Amino acid sequence: MSSPLYLVLLFVVFISHRGATTEAANEPVIDVYGKRLQSGISYYILPVVRGRGGGLTVSESENTTCPRIVTQDQSKDSKGLPVDFTPYDKSRTIRVSTDLNFEFSLFTIWKLDSSEETPNQLFISTCGVSGNPGQKTVSNWFKIDKFEDAYKIVFCPSVCNFCKVRCGDIGVFVKDGKRRLALSDVPLKVMFKKA
């Protein structure tokens, strides 16, 4: 194969791969009915694997500065509490791998938080601040990523270019009977249902 033709083909393959990656990153998140998730609409976040707990909700916490922690409901039949998603760029459609604020309708914004009880583990509380992407709010931004045939929640904000963050999947950390959401090596596989 001649060298110029080889370079052209290599360039075409590179552009095609780059386009596919960009397309996947801009792909809309889909609910259980095949509809695009939208900001301004509330959704239940439900586990795909049934039997170990239900939808996401909040619980009281005694040893943190925040009054509530994000948990998975013990009952497999529970839908949990509705959640609203707000993209950093205020767009209407919720897209894969986009920085989002997660908010329970009756409470506050989700935030990655430490705990005195378990100092090496980072949990999700409801003490975050809405909007204002940057260094002061970096712990308030989460993403929804594709995971096998469903989705997972990820903490790896890109709203602050110079901030150092500990990226990771969000899974369930069981302690004292509570199924707390936390950074985990085992992501919680989720789906979304309009509330």
N, C-alpha and C. Protein backbone atom coordinates (compact mmCIF):
# COMPACT_ATOMS: atom_id res chain seq x y z
N MET A 1 0.86 -1.18 0.00
CA MET A 1 0.00 0.00 0.00
C MET A 1 0.89 1.23 0.00
N SER A 2 0.55 2.20 -0.85
CA SER A 2 1.38 3.40 -0.91
C SER A 2 1.20 4.24 0.35
N SER A 3 2.25 4.96 0.69
CA SER A 3 2.29 5.73 1.93
C SER A 3 1.19 6.81 2.00
N PRO A 4 0.95 7.63 0.96
CA PRO A 4 -0.10 8.66 1.04
C PRO A 4 -1.49 8.05 1.25
N LEU A 5 -1.78 6.94 0.54
CA LEU A 5 -3.08 6.29 0.70
C LEU A 5 -3.24 5.74 2.10
N TYR A 6 -2.20 5.15 2.66
CA TYR A 6 -2.21 4.62 4.03
C TYR A 6 -2.51 5.74 5.03
N LEU A 7 -1.88 6.91 4.85
CA LEU A 7 -2.10 8.04 5.76
C LEU A 7 -3.53 8.55 5.67
N VAL A 8 -4.08 8.58 4.47
CA VAL A 8 -5.47 9.02 4.29
C VAL A 8 -6.41 8.07 5.01
N LEU A 9 -6.21 6.75 4.83
CA LEU A 9 -7.06 5.77 5.51
C LEU A 9 -6.93 5.86 7.03
N LEU A 10 -5.71 6.04 7.51
CA LEU A 10 -5.48 6.18 8.94
C LEU A 10 -6.21 7.41 9.48
N PHE A 11 -6.17 8.52 8.73
CA PHE A 11 -6.85 9.75 9.12
C PHE A 11 -8.36 9.54 9.17
N VAL A 12 -8.91 8.84 8.16
CA VAL A 12 -10.35 8.56 8.12
C VAL A 12 -10.76 7.70 9.31
N VAL A 13 -9.97 6.69 9.65
CA VAL A 13 -10.27 5.84 10.81
C VAL A 13 -10.23 6.68 12.08
N PHE A 14 -9.23 7.55 12.23
CA PHE A 14 -9.12 8.40 13.41
C PHE A 14 -10.34 9.32 13.53
N ILE A 15 -10.73 9.97 12.43
CA ILE A 15 -11.88 10.88 12.45
C ILE A 15 -13.16 10.11 12.76
N SER A 16 -13.34 8.92 12.20
CA SER A 16 -14.53 8.11 12.46
C SER A 16 -14.60 7.72 13.93
N HIS A 17 -13.47 7.30 14.49
CA HIS A 17 -13.45 6.92 15.91
C HIS A 17 -13.74 8.13 16.80
N ARG A 18 -13.14 9.26 16.47
CA ARG A 18 -13.35 10.48 17.24
C ARG A 18 -14.81 10.90 17.19
N GLY A 19 -15.43 10.80 16.01
CA GLY A 19 -16.84 11.13 15.87
C GLY A 19 -17.73 10.21 16.67
N ALA A 20 -17.40 8.92 16.69
CA ALA A 20 -18.19 7.96 17.46
C ALA A 20 -18.10 8.26 18.94
N THR A 21 -16.90 8.63 19.43
CA THR A 21 -16.73 8.95 20.84
C THR A 21 -17.54 10.18 21.20
N THR A 22 -17.50 11.22 20.36
CA THR A 22 -18.25 12.43 20.61
C THR A 22 -19.74 12.15 20.60
N GLU A 23 -20.19 11.33 19.64
CA GLU A 23 -21.60 10.96 19.57
C GLU A 23 -22.05 10.26 20.84
N ALA A 24 -21.25 9.30 21.34
CA ALA A 24 -21.61 8.56 22.54
C ALA A 24 -21.68 9.50 23.74
N ALA A 25 -20.76 10.46 23.82
CA ALA A 25 -20.75 11.39 24.95
C ALA A 25 -21.96 12.31 24.91
N ASN A 26 -22.48 12.60 23.72
CA ASN A 26 -23.63 13.49 23.59
C ASN A 26 -24.97 12.75 23.56
N GLU A 27 -24.93 11.44 23.68
CA GLU A 27 -26.13 10.64 23.63
C GLU A 27 -27.08 10.98 24.78
N PRO A 28 -28.38 11.14 24.51
CA PRO A 28 -29.31 11.44 25.60
C PRO A 28 -29.51 10.23 26.51
N VAL A 29 -29.78 10.50 27.78
CA VAL A 29 -30.14 9.44 28.73
C VAL A 29 -31.61 9.12 28.50
N ILE A 30 -31.93 7.83 28.48
CA ILE A 30 -33.28 7.36 28.15
C ILE A 30 -33.93 6.75 29.39
N ASP A 31 -35.23 7.03 29.59
CA ASP A 31 -35.94 6.43 30.73
C ASP A 31 -36.47 5.04 30.37
N VAL A 32 -37.19 4.42 31.29
CA VAL A 32 -37.68 3.05 31.08
C VAL A 32 -38.68 2.95 29.94
N TYR A 33 -39.24 4.09 29.52
CA TYR A 33 -40.22 4.10 28.43
C TYR A 33 -39.59 4.49 27.09
N GLY A 34 -38.28 4.68 27.07
CA GLY A 34 -37.60 5.05 25.84
C GLY A 34 -37.62 6.54 25.54
N LYS A 35 -38.02 7.35 26.51
CA LYS A 35 -38.08 8.81 26.35
C LYS A 35 -36.81 9.44 26.92
N ARG A 36 -36.41 10.57 26.35
CA ARG A 36 -35.23 11.29 26.83
C ARG A 36 -35.51 11.92 28.19
N LEU A 37 -34.53 11.84 29.11
CA LEU A 37 -34.63 12.54 30.38
C LEU A 37 -34.54 14.04 30.11
N GLN A 38 -35.36 14.82 30.83
CA GLN A 38 -35.41 16.27 30.64
C GLN A 38 -35.22 16.98 31.97
N SER A 39 -34.52 18.11 31.95
CA SER A 39 -34.44 18.93 33.16
C SER A 39 -35.83 19.53 33.39
N GLY A 40 -36.15 19.78 34.65
CA GLY A 40 -37.46 20.32 34.98
C GLY A 40 -38.52 19.24 35.16
N ILE A 41 -38.15 17.98 34.96
CA ILE A 41 -39.05 16.84 35.18
C ILE A 41 -38.41 15.94 36.22
N SER A 42 -39.20 15.42 37.15
CA SER A 42 -38.67 14.56 38.22
C SER A 42 -38.72 13.09 37.79
N TYR A 43 -37.72 12.33 38.25
CA TYR A 43 -37.61 10.90 37.93
C TYR A 43 -37.25 10.12 39.18
N TYR A 44 -37.71 8.88 39.22
CA TYR A 44 -37.24 7.94 40.24
C TYR A 44 -35.99 7.28 39.69
N ILE A 45 -34.98 7.13 40.54
CA ILE A 45 -33.79 6.37 40.18
C ILE A 45 -33.95 4.99 40.81
N LEU A 46 -34.09 3.99 39.97
CA LEU A 46 -34.41 2.63 40.44
C LEU A 46 -33.28 1.66 40.09
N PRO A 47 -33.07 0.66 40.95
CA PRO A 47 -32.04 -0.34 40.63
C PRO A 47 -32.53 -1.26 39.53
N VAL A 48 -31.64 -1.62 38.63
CA VAL A 48 -32.00 -2.57 37.57
C VAL A 48 -32.09 -3.97 38.17
N VAL A 49 -31.15 -4.32 39.04
CA VAL A 49 -31.15 -5.62 39.71
C VAL A 49 -32.09 -5.53 40.90
N ARG A 50 -33.17 -6.27 40.86
CA ARG A 50 -34.18 -6.21 41.91
C ARG A 50 -33.85 -7.19 43.04
N GLY A 51 -34.37 -6.88 44.24
CA GLY A 51 -34.23 -7.81 45.35
C GLY A 51 -33.32 -7.35 46.46
N ARG A 52 -32.44 -6.35 46.20
CA ARG A 52 -31.53 -5.88 47.24
C ARG A 52 -31.88 -4.50 47.75
N GLY A 53 -32.96 -3.95 47.38
CA GLY A 53 -33.35 -2.61 47.78
C GLY A 53 -34.13 -1.95 46.66
N GLY A 54 -34.75 -0.81 47.01
CA GLY A 54 -35.59 -0.12 46.05
C GLY A 54 -34.94 1.13 45.51
N GLY A 55 -35.79 2.16 45.31
CA GLY A 55 -35.33 3.42 44.76
C GLY A 55 -34.51 4.23 45.75
N LEU A 56 -33.98 5.34 45.28
CA LEU A 56 -33.12 6.18 46.12
C LEU A 56 -33.95 7.16 46.93
N THR A 57 -33.51 7.37 48.17
CA THR A 57 -34.23 8.21 49.11
C THR A 57 -33.22 8.88 50.05
N VAL A 58 -33.69 9.43 51.15
CA VAL A 58 -32.80 10.05 52.13
C VAL A 58 -33.05 9.45 53.51
N SER A 59 -32.03 9.51 54.35
CA SER A 59 -32.12 9.05 55.74
C SER A 59 -31.48 10.09 56.63
N GLU A 60 -31.87 10.07 57.89
CA GLU A 60 -31.24 10.95 58.88
C GLU A 60 -29.82 10.46 59.12
N SER A 61 -28.95 11.37 59.47
CA SER A 61 -27.58 11.02 59.83
C SER A 61 -27.22 11.77 61.10
N GLU A 62 -26.68 11.07 62.07
CA GLU A 62 -26.38 11.69 63.35
C GLU A 62 -24.99 12.30 63.41
N ASN A 63 -24.03 11.77 62.68
CA ASN A 63 -22.64 12.18 62.86
C ASN A 63 -22.04 12.97 61.71
N THR A 64 -22.85 13.62 60.91
CA THR A 64 -22.30 14.49 59.86
C THR A 64 -22.90 15.87 60.02
N THR A 65 -22.30 16.83 59.38
CA THR A 65 -22.81 18.19 59.45
C THR A 65 -24.09 18.35 58.65
N CYS A 66 -24.34 17.43 57.73
CA CYS A 66 -25.57 17.48 56.94
C CYS A 66 -26.67 16.69 57.63
N PRO A 67 -27.90 17.17 57.53
CA PRO A 67 -28.99 16.45 58.21
C PRO A 67 -29.43 15.18 57.49
N ARG A 68 -29.09 15.01 56.22
CA ARG A 68 -29.59 13.84 55.49
C ARG A 68 -28.51 13.21 54.63
N ILE A 69 -28.63 11.89 54.44
CA ILE A 69 -27.72 11.16 53.57
C ILE A 69 -28.54 10.46 52.50
N VAL A 70 -27.95 10.26 51.34
CA VAL A 70 -28.66 9.58 50.24
C VAL A 70 -28.49 8.09 50.43
N THR A 71 -29.60 7.38 50.41
CA THR A 71 -29.62 5.93 50.63
C THR A 71 -30.49 5.25 49.58
N GLN A 72 -30.34 3.94 49.53
CA GLN A 72 -31.25 3.12 48.74
C GLN A 72 -32.28 2.57 49.71
N ASP A 73 -33.55 2.73 49.41
CA ASP A 73 -34.61 2.25 50.29
C ASP A 73 -34.48 0.76 50.51
N GLN A 74 -34.74 0.30 51.74
CA GLN A 74 -34.64 -1.12 52.08
C GLN A 74 -35.66 -1.97 51.31
N SER A 75 -36.85 -1.42 51.08
CA SER A 75 -37.91 -2.17 50.43
C SER A 75 -37.69 -2.23 48.92
N LYS A 76 -37.65 -3.43 48.40
CA LYS A 76 -37.45 -3.59 46.94
C LYS A 76 -38.61 -3.03 46.13
N ASP A 77 -39.76 -2.83 46.77
CA ASP A 77 -40.94 -2.30 46.07
C ASP A 77 -41.02 -0.78 46.10
N SER A 78 -40.15 -0.13 46.86
CA SER A 78 -40.18 1.33 46.99
C SER A 78 -39.59 2.00 45.75
N LYS A 79 -40.24 3.07 45.31
CA LYS A 79 -39.70 3.87 44.20
C LYS A 79 -38.71 4.92 44.72
N GLY A 80 -38.71 5.16 46.04
CA GLY A 80 -37.84 6.20 46.59
C GLY A 80 -38.46 7.57 46.41
N LEU A 81 -37.62 8.59 46.34
CA LEU A 81 -38.06 9.98 46.16
C LEU A 81 -37.70 10.46 44.76
N PRO A 82 -38.53 11.32 44.18
CA PRO A 82 -38.22 11.87 42.85
C PRO A 82 -36.96 12.73 42.88
N VAL A 83 -36.20 12.67 41.79
CA VAL A 83 -34.97 13.44 41.64
C VAL A 83 -35.09 14.31 40.38
N ASP A 84 -34.60 15.55 40.50
CA ASP A 84 -34.51 16.45 39.35
C ASP A 84 -33.04 16.56 38.95
N PHE A 85 -32.77 16.68 37.67
CA PHE A 85 -31.41 16.81 37.15
C PHE A 85 -31.26 18.18 36.49
N THR A 86 -30.17 18.88 36.82
CA THR A 86 -29.89 20.17 36.20
C THR A 86 -28.49 20.15 35.61
N PRO A 87 -28.37 20.17 34.27
CA PRO A 87 -27.06 20.20 33.63
C PRO A 87 -26.33 21.51 33.91
N TYR A 88 -25.00 21.45 33.93
CA TYR A 88 -24.18 22.64 34.18
C TYR A 88 -24.44 23.73 33.15
N ASP A 89 -24.80 23.33 31.93
CA ASP A 89 -25.02 24.30 30.86
C ASP A 89 -26.49 24.67 30.69
N LYS A 90 -27.34 24.21 31.63
CA LYS A 90 -28.78 24.53 31.66
C LYS A 90 -29.55 24.00 30.44
N SER A 91 -28.98 23.01 29.73
CA SER A 91 -29.70 22.46 28.58
C SER A 91 -30.91 21.66 29.05
N ARG A 92 -31.85 21.47 28.16
CA ARG A 92 -33.11 20.80 28.50
C ARG A 92 -32.95 19.28 28.56
N THR A 93 -32.24 18.70 27.60
CA THR A 93 -32.07 17.24 27.54
C THR A 93 -30.89 16.82 28.41
N ILE A 94 -31.10 15.75 29.19
CA ILE A 94 -30.03 15.21 30.03
C ILE A 94 -29.22 14.24 29.16
N ARG A 95 -27.91 14.46 29.09
CA ARG A 95 -27.06 13.66 28.23
C ARG A 95 -26.03 12.88 29.03
N VAL A 96 -25.59 11.76 28.45
CA VAL A 96 -24.57 10.90 29.06
C VAL A 96 -23.28 11.70 29.26
N SER A 97 -22.61 11.44 30.38
CA SER A 97 -21.30 12.03 30.70
C SER A 97 -21.31 13.55 30.78
N THR A 98 -22.42 14.14 31.18
CA THR A 98 -22.54 15.58 31.34
C THR A 98 -22.64 15.90 32.83
N ASP A 99 -21.95 16.93 33.29
CA ASP A 99 -22.02 17.35 34.70
C ASP A 99 -23.44 17.79 35.04
N LEU A 100 -23.96 17.19 36.11
CA LEU A 100 -25.34 17.45 36.54
C LEU A 100 -25.40 17.68 38.04
N ASN A 101 -26.32 18.54 38.47
CA ASN A 101 -26.74 18.57 39.87
C ASN A 101 -27.90 17.60 39.98
N PHE A 102 -27.89 16.77 41.03
CA PHE A 102 -29.01 15.88 41.35
C PHE A 102 -29.71 16.49 42.55
N GLU A 103 -31.04 16.58 42.50
CA GLU A 103 -31.76 17.21 43.60
C GLU A 103 -33.05 16.45 43.91
N PHE A 104 -33.20 16.05 45.19
CA PHE A 104 -34.48 15.53 45.62
C PHE A 104 -35.44 16.70 45.69
N SER A 105 -36.64 16.52 45.21
CA SER A 105 -37.61 17.61 45.11
C SER A 105 -37.85 18.34 46.43
N LEU A 106 -37.82 17.64 47.54
CA LEU A 106 -38.13 18.26 48.83
C LEU A 106 -36.89 18.64 49.63
N PHE A 107 -35.71 18.36 49.12
CA PHE A 107 -34.50 18.57 49.91
C PHE A 107 -33.51 19.42 49.14
N THR A 108 -32.23 19.11 49.22
CA THR A 108 -31.23 19.94 48.55
C THR A 108 -30.41 19.12 47.57
N ILE A 109 -29.42 19.75 47.03
CA ILE A 109 -28.56 19.18 46.00
C ILE A 109 -27.65 18.10 46.59
N TRP A 110 -27.44 17.03 45.81
CA TRP A 110 -26.51 15.97 46.21
C TRP A 110 -25.09 16.53 46.26
N LYS A 111 -24.29 15.95 47.16
CA LYS A 111 -22.90 16.36 47.32
C LYS A 111 -22.08 15.17 47.79
N LEU A 112 -20.89 15.01 47.26
CA LEU A 112 -19.97 13.98 47.76
C LEU A 112 -19.38 14.52 49.05
N ASP A 113 -19.45 13.72 50.12
CA ASP A 113 -19.13 14.20 51.46
C ASP A 113 -18.37 13.14 52.25
N SER A 114 -17.54 13.59 53.16
CA SER A 114 -16.84 12.65 54.05
C SER A 114 -17.69 12.40 55.29
N SER A 115 -17.31 11.39 56.05
CA SER A 115 -18.05 11.04 57.26
C SER A 115 -17.07 10.75 58.39
N GLU A 116 -17.37 11.26 59.57
CA GLU A 116 -16.52 10.97 60.74
C GLU A 116 -16.57 9.49 61.09
N GLU A 117 -17.72 8.86 60.84
CA GLU A 117 -17.89 7.44 61.16
C GLU A 117 -16.96 6.56 60.35
N THR A 118 -16.80 6.88 59.07
CA THR A 118 -15.99 6.09 58.15
C THR A 118 -15.10 7.05 57.36
N PRO A 119 -13.95 7.46 57.93
CA PRO A 119 -13.14 8.52 57.32
C PRO A 119 -12.57 8.20 55.94
N ASN A 120 -12.38 6.94 55.60
CA ASN A 120 -11.80 6.60 54.29
C ASN A 120 -12.84 6.41 53.20
N GLN A 121 -14.10 6.61 53.53
CA GLN A 121 -15.19 6.39 52.58
C GLN A 121 -15.88 7.71 52.30
N LEU A 122 -16.17 7.99 51.03
CA LEU A 122 -16.91 9.20 50.66
C LEU A 122 -18.34 8.83 50.33
N PHE A 123 -19.29 9.52 50.96
CA PHE A 123 -20.72 9.26 50.81
C PHE A 123 -21.40 10.42 50.11
N ILE A 124 -22.66 10.22 49.73
CA ILE A 124 -23.45 11.30 49.15
C ILE A 124 -24.40 11.82 50.22
N SER A 125 -24.35 13.14 50.43
CA SER A 125 -25.28 13.80 51.34
C SER A 125 -26.15 14.75 50.53
N THR A 126 -26.99 15.51 51.21
CA THR A 126 -27.85 16.46 50.51
C THR A 126 -27.54 17.88 50.94
N CYS A 127 -26.28 18.23 51.03
CA CYS A 127 -25.87 19.57 51.46
C CYS A 127 -25.23 20.39 50.35
N GLY A 128 -25.45 20.03 49.11
CA GLY A 128 -24.81 20.72 48.01
C GLY A 128 -25.46 22.04 47.66
N VAL A 129 -24.85 22.71 46.70
CA VAL A 129 -25.32 24.02 46.23
C VAL A 129 -25.62 23.88 44.74
N SER A 130 -26.72 24.44 44.31
CA SER A 130 -27.13 24.35 42.91
C SER A 130 -26.32 25.31 42.03
N GLY A 131 -25.94 24.82 40.86
CA GLY A 131 -25.29 25.65 39.85
C GLY A 131 -23.89 26.11 40.24
N ASN A 132 -23.50 27.27 39.71
CA ASN A 132 -22.19 27.88 39.95
C ASN A 132 -21.03 26.90 39.75
N PRO A 133 -20.90 26.29 38.56
CA PRO A 133 -19.82 25.33 38.33
C PRO A 133 -18.45 25.95 38.63
N GLY A 134 -17.63 25.25 39.38
CA GLY A 134 -16.30 25.74 39.69
C GLY A 134 -15.72 25.07 40.91
N GLN A 135 -14.64 25.62 41.41
CA GLN A 135 -13.89 25.03 42.51
C GLN A 135 -14.71 24.88 43.78
N LYS A 136 -15.53 25.87 44.12
CA LYS A 136 -16.28 25.84 45.37
C LYS A 136 -17.44 24.84 45.34
N THR A 137 -17.88 24.45 44.15
CA THR A 137 -19.02 23.53 44.06
C THR A 137 -18.66 22.20 43.40
N VAL A 138 -17.37 21.92 43.26
CA VAL A 138 -16.94 20.73 42.50
C VAL A 138 -17.53 19.44 43.07
N SER A 139 -17.77 19.36 44.37
CA SER A 139 -18.30 18.13 44.96
C SER A 139 -19.80 17.95 44.73
N ASN A 140 -20.45 18.90 44.06
CA ASN A 140 -21.90 18.85 43.82
C ASN A 140 -22.28 18.34 42.44
N TRP A 141 -21.29 17.90 41.65
CA TRP A 141 -21.56 17.55 40.25
C TRP A 141 -21.35 16.06 40.01
N PHE A 142 -22.35 15.42 39.43
CA PHE A 142 -22.32 14.00 39.13
C PHE A 142 -22.65 13.81 37.65
N LYS A 143 -22.41 12.61 37.16
CA LYS A 143 -22.71 12.28 35.76
C LYS A 143 -23.50 10.98 35.71
N ILE A 144 -24.22 10.81 34.63
CA ILE A 144 -24.87 9.54 34.32
C ILE A 144 -24.12 8.96 33.13
N ASP A 145 -23.61 7.74 33.29
CA ASP A 145 -22.88 7.09 32.20
C ASP A 145 -23.56 5.78 31.83
N LYS A 146 -23.35 5.35 30.60
CA LYS A 146 -23.85 4.05 30.17
C LYS A 146 -23.12 2.97 30.96
N PHE A 147 -23.85 1.91 31.32
CA PHE A 147 -23.27 0.78 32.04
C PHE A 147 -23.98 -0.48 31.58
N GLU A 148 -23.28 -1.26 30.79
CA GLU A 148 -23.86 -2.47 30.18
C GLU A 148 -25.13 -2.08 29.44
N ASP A 149 -26.28 -2.63 29.83
CA ASP A 149 -27.53 -2.32 29.13
C ASP A 149 -28.36 -1.27 29.86
N ALA A 150 -27.73 -0.54 30.80
CA ALA A 150 -28.45 0.45 31.59
C ALA A 150 -27.52 1.64 31.86
N TYR A 151 -27.57 2.18 33.09
CA TYR A 151 -26.78 3.35 33.44
C TYR A 151 -26.16 3.19 34.83
N LYS A 152 -25.21 4.06 35.13
CA LYS A 152 -24.63 4.17 36.46
C LYS A 152 -24.40 5.65 36.74
N ILE A 153 -24.30 5.99 38.02
CA ILE A 153 -24.00 7.36 38.44
C ILE A 153 -22.51 7.42 38.74
N VAL A 154 -21.88 8.49 38.29
CA VAL A 154 -20.43 8.63 38.42
C VAL A 154 -20.12 9.98 39.05
N PHE A 155 -19.11 9.99 39.91
CA PHE A 155 -18.57 11.26 40.40
C PHE A 155 -17.22 11.47 39.73
N CYS A 156 -17.16 12.39 38.79
CA CYS A 156 -15.91 12.76 38.13
C CYS A 156 -16.16 14.09 37.42
N PRO A 157 -16.38 15.16 38.21
CA PRO A 157 -16.76 16.43 37.62
C PRO A 157 -15.68 17.04 36.75
N SER A 158 -16.13 17.68 35.68
CA SER A 158 -15.21 18.38 34.79
C SER A 158 -15.52 19.87 34.76
N VAL A 159 -16.25 20.36 35.77
CA VAL A 159 -16.61 21.78 35.83
C VAL A 159 -15.47 22.65 36.33
N CYS A 160 -14.39 22.03 36.80
CA CYS A 160 -13.23 22.78 37.30
C CYS A 160 -11.98 22.13 36.71
N ASN A 161 -11.34 22.80 35.75
CA ASN A 161 -10.20 22.23 35.03
C ASN A 161 -8.98 21.98 35.90
N PHE A 162 -8.77 22.76 36.95
CA PHE A 162 -7.56 22.64 37.77
C PHE A 162 -7.82 21.94 39.11
N CYS A 163 -9.05 21.52 39.38
CA CYS A 163 -9.37 20.84 40.64
C CYS A 163 -8.94 19.38 40.57
N LYS A 164 -8.38 18.88 41.65
CA LYS A 164 -8.04 17.46 41.74
C LYS A 164 -9.17 16.77 42.48
N VAL A 165 -9.81 15.81 41.81
CA VAL A 165 -10.92 15.08 42.42
C VAL A 165 -10.65 13.59 42.37
N ARG A 166 -11.23 12.88 43.28
CA ARG A 166 -11.16 11.42 43.30
C ARG A 166 -12.36 10.89 42.56
N CYS A 167 -12.18 10.51 41.32
CA CYS A 167 -13.27 10.03 40.48
C CYS A 167 -13.65 8.60 40.87
N GLY A 168 -14.91 8.27 40.66
CA GLY A 168 -15.34 6.90 40.90
C GLY A 168 -16.81 6.71 40.63
N ASP A 169 -17.19 5.45 40.56
CA ASP A 169 -18.60 5.08 40.40
C ASP A 169 -19.31 5.21 41.73
N ILE A 170 -20.62 5.39 41.65
CA ILE A 170 -21.44 5.44 42.87
C ILE A 170 -22.12 4.09 43.03
N GLY A 171 -21.90 3.51 44.20
CA GLY A 171 -22.50 2.22 44.53
C GLY A 171 -23.12 2.28 45.91
N VAL A 172 -23.38 1.12 46.48
CA VAL A 172 -24.04 1.04 47.79
C VAL A 172 -23.05 0.54 48.83
N PHE A 173 -23.00 1.25 49.94
CA PHE A 173 -22.15 0.90 51.09
C PHE A 173 -23.10 0.60 52.24
N VAL A 174 -23.12 -0.66 52.70
CA VAL A 174 -24.06 -1.06 53.75
C VAL A 174 -23.39 -0.93 55.11
N LYS A 175 -24.05 -0.15 55.99
CA LYS A 175 -23.56 0.00 57.36
C LYS A 175 -24.75 0.24 58.28
N ASP A 176 -24.77 -0.51 59.38
CA ASP A 176 -25.86 -0.40 60.36
C ASP A 176 -27.23 -0.52 59.71
N GLY A 177 -27.35 -1.39 58.73
CA GLY A 177 -28.63 -1.64 58.07
C GLY A 177 -29.01 -0.61 57.02
N LYS A 178 -28.24 0.47 56.88
CA LYS A 178 -28.54 1.49 55.87
C LYS A 178 -27.74 1.21 54.62
N ARG A 179 -28.39 1.35 53.48
CA ARG A 179 -27.75 1.17 52.18
C ARG A 179 -27.38 2.55 51.63
N ARG A 180 -26.23 3.07 52.08
CA ARG A 180 -25.80 4.42 51.74
C ARG A 180 -25.14 4.46 50.37
N LEU A 181 -25.39 5.54 49.62
CA LEU A 181 -24.70 5.73 48.35
C LEU A 181 -23.31 6.31 48.62
N ALA A 182 -22.31 5.73 47.94
CA ALA A 182 -20.92 6.11 48.20
C ALA A 182 -20.08 5.81 46.97
N LEU A 183 -18.86 6.36 46.95
CA LEU A 183 -17.90 5.95 45.93
C LEU A 183 -17.64 4.47 46.11
N SER A 184 -17.59 3.72 45.01
CA SER A 184 -17.50 2.27 45.12
C SER A 184 -16.84 1.67 43.89
N ASP A 185 -16.21 0.51 44.08
CA ASP A 185 -15.67 -0.24 42.94
C ASP A 185 -16.78 -0.99 42.21
N VAL A 186 -17.94 -1.11 42.86
CA VAL A 186 -19.08 -1.82 42.27
C VAL A 186 -20.22 -0.82 42.06
N PRO A 187 -20.42 -0.36 40.82
CA PRO A 187 -21.46 0.64 40.58
C PRO A 187 -22.86 0.07 40.75
N LEU A 188 -23.77 0.92 41.22
CA LEU A 188 -25.18 0.57 41.28
C LEU A 188 -25.75 0.77 39.88
N LYS A 189 -26.25 -0.30 39.29
CA LYS A 189 -26.82 -0.25 37.94
C LYS A 189 -28.25 0.28 38.04
N VAL A 190 -28.53 1.41 37.38
CA VAL A 190 -29.81 2.08 37.57
C VAL A 190 -30.56 2.32 36.27
N MET A 191 -31.86 2.62 36.45
CA MET A 191 -32.73 3.05 35.37
C MET A 191 -33.57 4.19 35.91
N PHE A 192 -34.23 4.91 35.02
CA PHE A 192 -34.96 6.12 35.40
C PHE A 192 -36.42 6.00 34.97
N LYS A 193 -37.32 6.35 35.90
CA LYS A 193 -38.75 6.29 35.62
C LYS A 193 -39.37 7.64 35.96
N LYS A 194 -40.11 8.22 35.04
CA LYS A 194 -40.73 9.52 35.26
C LYS A 194 -41.65 9.45 36.46
N ALA A 195 -41.53 10.44 37.36
CA ALA A 195 -42.35 10.45 38.58
C ALA A 195 -43.75 10.94 38.27
